[in-house]
Amino acid sequence: MKIKIKVLFVSLVFGIFIGAQTVNAQSNQLGLIPKVPDKLSVGSDCQSFFKDNSVKMAMLSLESFKRYIGEDANKSDKRDELLACAIKTGRVHFFMLPFFAVYGIEFLLGIAGLLSVLMITYGGFKYVTGGLTQDKDTGKKLIIQSLEGLAVALSAWIIVNLVQTVLTS
């Protein structure tokens, strides 16, 4: 009985911690397309944002776009600003497609992580209460399957990131 309580406690702590991290990481991403920030780094709206010379240059080619957003092209606030304002103003270019794909995949990976954490927590609950209903195996299977699903989602993200890096390098 003490082991079951420990499993439930660890599952809940794990679920709360990872769930909070996932929600925190996704707080600036509220959908499959980037959200225009309340306060842009340059200007107050997208029209004045595109009047800045550095932003104008960034919209010319993939190389200038990468130079503008900096070294970490996959986790950049500047990237999100450019993509969001490009959509809002209709200035979307073909070379932005890989960045939109990475953005959408990051969003879907966040959902997969959140669902995995919820299923691990539910599996821990089923495992703990399994002694009463003879349903311990269901709890174990839920935990294992949700961890496998998370591993598949992370593997897919790694593969897409590698392909995107190779194609845009």
C-alpha atoms as a PDB file:
ATOM      1  CA  MET A   1       0.000   0.000   0.000  1.00  0.00           C
ATOM      2  CA  LYS A   2       2.876   2.406   0.766  1.00  0.00           C
ATOM      3  CA  ILE A   3       4.364   1.768  -2.662  1.00  0.00           C
ATOM      4  CA  LYS A   4       1.056   2.644  -4.325  1.00  0.00           C
ATOM      5  CA  ILE A   5       0.854   5.917  -2.428  1.00  0.00           C
ATOM      6  CA  LYS A   6       4.428   6.739  -3.441  1.00  0.00           C
ATOM      7  CA  VAL A   7       3.649   5.985  -7.087  1.00  0.00           C
ATOM      8  CA  LEU A   8       0.573   8.218  -6.973  1.00  0.00           C
ATOM      9  CA  PHE A   9       2.497  11.011  -5.251  1.00  0.00           C
ATOM     10  CA  VAL A  10       5.388  10.841  -7.731  1.00  0.00           C
ATOM     11  CA  SER A  11       2.939  10.748 -10.661  1.00  0.00           C
ATOM     12  CA  LEU A  12       1.094  13.806  -9.379  1.00  0.00           C
ATOM     13  CA  VAL A  13       4.287  15.772  -8.678  1.00  0.00           C
ATOM     14  CA  PHE A  14       5.668  14.778 -12.072  1.00  0.00           C
ATOM     15  CA  GLY A  15       2.410  15.737 -13.763  1.00  0.00           C
ATOM     16  CA  ILE A  16       2.133  19.100 -12.039  1.00  0.00           C
ATOM     17  CA  PHE A  17       5.796  20.000 -12.621  1.00  0.00           C
ATOM     18  CA  ILE A  18       5.971  18.960 -16.275  1.00  0.00           C
ATOM     19  CA  GLY A  19       2.493  20.287 -17.025  1.00  0.00           C
ATOM     20  CA  ALA A  20       3.393  23.677 -15.574  1.00  0.00           C
ATOM     21  CA  GLN A  21       6.609  23.739 -17.602  1.00  0.00           C
ATOM     22  CA  THR A  22       4.732  22.864 -20.793  1.00  0.00           C
ATOM     23  CA  VAL A  23       2.099  25.543 -20.222  1.00  0.00           C
ATOM     24  CA  ASN A  24       4.802  28.081 -19.322  1.00  0.00           C
ATOM     25  CA  ALA A  25       6.783  27.231 -22.456  1.00  0.00           C
ATOM     26  CA  GLN A  26       3.651  27.553 -24.589  1.00  0.00           C
ATOM     27  CA  SER A  27       2.359  30.757 -22.972  1.00  0.00           C
ATOM     28  CA  ASN A  28       3.578  32.940 -25.848  1.00  0.00           C
ATOM     29  CA  GLN A  29       2.263  30.484 -28.419  1.00  0.00           C
ATOM     30  CA  LEU A  30      -1.482  30.345 -28.303  1.00  0.00           C
ATOM     31  CA  GLY A  31      -2.077  28.701 -31.626  1.00  0.00           C
ATOM     32  CA  LEU A  32      -0.606  27.184 -34.739  1.00  0.00           C
ATOM     33  CA  ILE A  33       0.374  30.608 -36.031  1.00  0.00           C
ATOM     34  CA  PRO A  34       2.495  33.117 -34.103  1.00  0.00           C
ATOM     35  CA  LYS A  35       0.720  35.766 -32.070  1.00  0.00           C
ATOM     36  CA  VAL A  36       1.701  39.387 -32.609  1.00  0.00           C
ATOM     37  CA  PRO A  37       3.312  40.556 -29.351  1.00  0.00           C
ATOM     38  CA  ASP A  38       1.711  43.436 -27.472  1.00  0.00           C
ATOM     39  CA  LYS A  39       4.953  45.399 -27.642  1.00  0.00           C
ATOM     40  CA  LEU A  40       7.182  44.762 -30.623  1.00  0.00           C
ATOM     41  CA  SER A  41      10.946  45.203 -30.339  1.00  0.00           C
ATOM     42  CA  VAL A  42      10.747  47.928 -33.001  1.00  0.00           C
ATOM     43  CA  GLY A  43       7.660  50.106 -33.310  1.00  0.00           C
ATOM     44  CA  SER A  44       4.225  49.716 -31.823  1.00  0.00           C
ATOM     45  CA  ASP A  45       2.456  47.876 -34.640  1.00  0.00           C
ATOM     46  CA  CYS A  46       3.345  45.705 -37.616  1.00  0.00           C
ATOM     47  CA  GLN A  47       3.244  48.558 -40.158  1.00  0.00           C
ATOM     48  CA  SER A  48       5.839  50.600 -38.283  1.00  0.00           C
ATOM     49  CA  PHE A  49       7.726  47.376 -37.505  1.00  0.00           C
ATOM     50  CA  PHE A  50       8.317  46.805 -41.226  1.00  0.00           C
ATOM     51  CA  LYS A  51       9.499  50.399 -41.717  1.00  0.00           C
ATOM     52  CA  ASP A  52      12.652  49.690 -39.708  1.00  0.00           C
ATOM     53  CA  ASN A  53      15.673  49.152 -42.009  1.00  0.00           C
ATOM     54  CA  SER A  54      16.914  46.023 -40.215  1.00  0.00           C
ATOM     55  CA  VAL A  55      13.469  44.424 -40.542  1.00  0.00           C
ATOM     56  CA  LYS A  56      13.237  45.430 -44.216  1.00  0.00           C
ATOM     57  CA  MET A  57      16.574  43.753 -44.849  1.00  0.00           C
ATOM     58  CA  ALA A  58      15.499  40.638 -42.948  1.00  0.00           C
ATOM     59  CA  MET A  59      12.546  40.197 -45.288  1.00  0.00           C
ATOM     60  CA  LEU A  60      14.692  40.083 -48.437  1.00  0.00           C
ATOM     61  CA  SER A  61      16.209  36.597 -48.227  1.00  0.00           C
ATOM     62  CA  LEU A  62      16.727  33.570 -46.018  1.00  0.00           C
ATOM     63  CA  GLU A  63      20.272  34.610 -45.118  1.00  0.00           C
ATOM     64  CA  SER A  64      19.239  38.098 -44.004  1.00  0.00           C
ATOM     65  CA  PHE A  65      16.253  36.614 -42.132  1.00  0.00           C
ATOM     66  CA  LYS A  66      18.584  34.268 -40.219  1.00  0.00           C
ATOM     67  CA  ARG A  67      21.030  37.085 -39.539  1.00  0.00           C
ATOM     68  CA  TYR A  68      18.259  39.228 -38.075  1.00  0.00           C
ATOM     69  CA  ILE A  69      16.871  36.584 -35.729  1.00  0.00           C
ATOM     70  CA  GLY A  70      20.340  35.575 -34.514  1.00  0.00           C
ATOM     71  CA  GLU A  71      22.106  32.340 -33.745  1.00  0.00           C
ATOM     72  CA  ASP A  72      19.259  30.393 -32.150  1.00  0.00           C
ATOM     73  CA  ALA A  73      16.842  30.425 -35.082  1.00  0.00           C
ATOM     74  CA  ASN A  74      14.419  27.933 -33.523  1.00  0.00           C
ATOM     75  CA  LYS A  75      13.790  29.714 -30.192  1.00  0.00           C
ATOM     76  CA  SER A  76      13.792  33.368 -31.068  1.00  0.00           C
ATOM     77  CA  ASP A  77      11.339  36.063 -30.072  1.00  0.00           C
ATOM     78  CA  LYS A  78      12.483  38.009 -33.107  1.00  0.00           C
ATOM     79  CA  ARG A  79      11.506  35.061 -35.302  1.00  0.00           C
ATOM     80  CA  ASP A  80       8.019  35.031 -33.807  1.00  0.00           C
ATOM     81  CA  GLU A  81       7.636  38.788 -34.278  1.00  0.00           C
ATOM     82  CA  LEU A  82       8.664  38.584 -37.924  1.00  0.00           C
ATOM     83  CA  LEU A  83       6.423  35.617 -38.684  1.00  0.00           C
ATOM     84  CA  ALA A  84       3.406  37.096 -36.882  1.00  0.00           C
ATOM     85  CA  CYS A  85       3.714  40.484 -38.570  1.00  0.00           C
ATOM     86  CA  ALA A  86       4.348  38.845 -41.945  1.00  0.00           C
ATOM     87  CA  ILE A  87       1.018  37.043 -41.618  1.00  0.00           C
ATOM     88  CA  LYS A  88      -0.815  40.106 -40.339  1.00  0.00           C
ATOM     89  CA  THR A  89       0.427  42.351 -43.133  1.00  0.00           C
ATOM     90  CA  GLY A  90       0.460  39.724 -45.893  1.00  0.00           C
ATOM     91  CA  ARG A  91       4.221  39.876 -46.427  1.00  0.00           C
ATOM     92  CA  VAL A  92       4.807  36.142 -46.212  1.00  0.00           C
ATOM     93  CA  HIS A  93       7.671  34.799 -48.318  1.00  0.00           C
ATOM     94  CA  PHE A  94       8.409  31.260 -49.446  1.00  0.00           C
ATOM     95  CA  PHE A  95      11.689  31.110 -47.503  1.00  0.00           C
ATOM     96  CA  MET A  96       9.689  31.489 -44.257  1.00  0.00           C
ATOM     97  CA  LEU A  97       7.954  28.128 -44.749  1.00  0.00           C
ATOM     98  CA  PRO A  98      10.494  26.075 -42.711  1.00  0.00           C
ATOM     99  CA  PHE A  99      10.182  28.521 -39.816  1.00  0.00           C
ATOM    100  CA  PHE A 100       6.377  28.273 -39.879  1.00  0.00           C
ATOM    101  CA  ALA A 101       6.708  24.470 -39.933  1.00  0.00           C
ATOM    102  CA  VAL A 102       9.022  24.470 -36.913  1.00  0.00           C
ATOM    103  CA  TYR A 103       6.686  26.836 -35.083  1.00  0.00           C
ATOM    104  CA  GLY A 104       3.675  24.572 -35.735  1.00  0.00           C
ATOM    105  CA  ILE A 105       5.607  21.453 -34.748  1.00  0.00           C
ATOM    106  CA  GLU A 106       6.696  23.075 -31.481  1.00  0.00           C
ATOM    107  CA  PHE A 107       3.051  23.847 -30.748  1.00  0.00           C
ATOM    108  CA  LEU A 108       1.950  20.273 -31.488  1.00  0.00           C
ATOM    109  CA  LEU A 109       4.844  18.883 -29.443  1.00  0.00           C
ATOM    110  CA  GLY A 110       3.640  20.958 -26.487  1.00  0.00           C
ATOM    111  CA  ILE A 111       0.181  19.429 -26.826  1.00  0.00           C
ATOM    112  CA  ALA A 112       1.688  15.933 -27.063  1.00  0.00           C
ATOM    113  CA  GLY A 113       3.745  16.569 -23.937  1.00  0.00           C
ATOM    114  CA  LEU A 114       0.744  17.840 -22.022  1.00  0.00           C
ATOM    115  CA  LEU A 115      -1.370  14.836 -23.049  1.00  0.00           C
ATOM    116  CA  SER A 116       1.452  12.491 -22.117  1.00  0.00           C
ATOM    117  CA  VAL A 117       1.736  14.021 -18.657  1.00  0.00           C
ATOM    118  CA  LEU A 118      -2.015  13.756 -18.138  1.00  0.00           C
ATOM    119  CA  MET A 119      -2.015  10.107 -19.201  1.00  0.00           C
ATOM    120  CA  ILE A 120       0.948   9.302 -16.937  1.00  0.00           C
ATOM    121  CA  THR A 121      -0.916  10.872 -14.031  1.00  0.00           C
ATOM    122  CA  TYR A 122      -4.089   8.963 -14.897  1.00  0.00           C
ATOM    123  CA  GLY A 123      -2.065   5.746 -15.269  1.00  0.00           C
ATOM    124  CA  GLY A 124      -0.532   6.329 -11.832  1.00  0.00           C
ATOM    125  CA  PHE A 125      -3.991   6.813 -10.387  1.00  0.00           C
ATOM    126  CA  LYS A 126      -5.233   3.612 -12.052  1.00  0.00           C
ATOM    127  CA  TYR A 127      -2.191   1.752 -10.733  1.00  0.00           C
ATOM    128  CA  VAL A 128      -2.710   2.980  -7.183  1.00  0.00           C
ATOM    129  CA  THR A 129      -6.418   2.189  -7.157  1.00  0.00           C
ATOM    130  CA  GLY A 130      -5.862  -1.043  -9.081  1.00  0.00           C
ATOM    131  CA  GLY A 131      -5.702  -3.070  -5.883  1.00  0.00           C
ATOM    132  CA  LEU A 132      -9.321  -2.273  -5.247  1.00  0.00           C
ATOM    133  CA  THR A 133     -10.575  -3.030  -8.738  1.00  0.00           C
ATOM    134  CA  GLN A 134      -7.980  -5.580  -9.910  1.00  0.00           C
ATOM    135  CA  ASP A 135      -6.973  -3.155 -12.660  1.00  0.00           C
ATOM    136  CA  LYS A 136      -3.251  -2.600 -11.954  1.00  0.00           C
ATOM    137  CA  ASP A 137      -2.169  -3.794 -15.379  1.00  0.00           C
ATOM    138  CA  THR A 138      -4.235  -1.095 -17.064  1.00  0.00           C
ATOM    139  CA  GLY A 139      -2.394   1.556 -15.061  1.00  0.00           C
ATOM    140  CA  LYS A 140       0.995   0.110 -15.966  1.00  0.00           C
ATOM    141  CA  LYS A 141       0.047  -0.090 -19.640  1.00  0.00           C
ATOM    142  CA  LEU A 142      -1.185   3.527 -19.654  1.00  0.00           C
ATOM    143  CA  ILE A 143       2.076   4.768 -18.154  1.00  0.00           C
ATOM    144  CA  ILE A 144       4.211   2.761 -20.570  1.00  0.00           C
ATOM    145  CA  GLN A 145       2.140   3.721 -23.616  1.00  0.00           C
ATOM    146  CA  SER A 146       2.158   7.414 -22.743  1.00  0.00           C
ATOM    147  CA  LEU A 147       5.942   7.351 -22.313  1.00  0.00           C
ATOM    148  CA  GLU A 148       6.263   5.584 -25.671  1.00  0.00           C
ATOM    149  CA  GLY A 149       4.045   8.213 -27.284  1.00  0.00           C
ATOM    150  CA  LEU A 150       6.153  10.992 -25.805  1.00  0.00           C
ATOM    151  CA  ALA A 151       9.308   9.306 -27.107  1.00  0.00           C
ATOM    152  CA  VAL A 152       7.796   9.072 -30.609  1.00  0.00           C
ATOM    153  CA  ALA A 153       6.769  12.747 -30.516  1.00  0.00           C
ATOM    154  CA  LEU A 154      10.241  13.838 -29.365  1.00  0.00           C
ATOM    155  CA  SER A 155      11.885  11.661 -32.022  1.00  0.00           C
ATOM    156  CA  ALA A 156       9.694  13.200 -34.706  1.00  0.00           C
ATOM    157  CA  TRP A 157      10.607  16.681 -33.492  1.00  0.00           C
ATOM    158  CA  ILE A 158      14.322  15.832 -33.568  1.00  0.00           C
ATOM    159  CA  ILE A 159      14.074  14.450 -37.105  1.00  0.00           C
ATOM    160  CA  VAL A 160      12.136  17.483 -38.356  1.00  0.00           C
ATOM    161  CA  ASN A 161      14.594  19.844 -36.674  1.00  0.00           C
ATOM    162  CA  LEU A 162      17.538  18.057 -38.303  1.00  0.00           C
ATOM    163  CA  VAL A 163      15.903  18.117 -41.729  1.00  0.00           C
ATOM    164  CA  GLN A 164      15.007  21.792 -41.329  1.00  0.00           C
ATOM    165  CA  THR A 165      18.575  22.615 -40.270  1.00  0.00           C
ATOM    166  CA  VAL A 166      20.036  20.754 -43.238  1.00  0.00           C
ATOM    167  CA  LEU A 167      17.640  22.374 -45.706  1.00  0.00           C
ATOM    168  CA  THR A 168      18.139  25.928 -44.443  1.00  0.00           C
ATOM    169  CA  SER A 169      21.879  25.794 -43.779  1.00  0.00           C
END
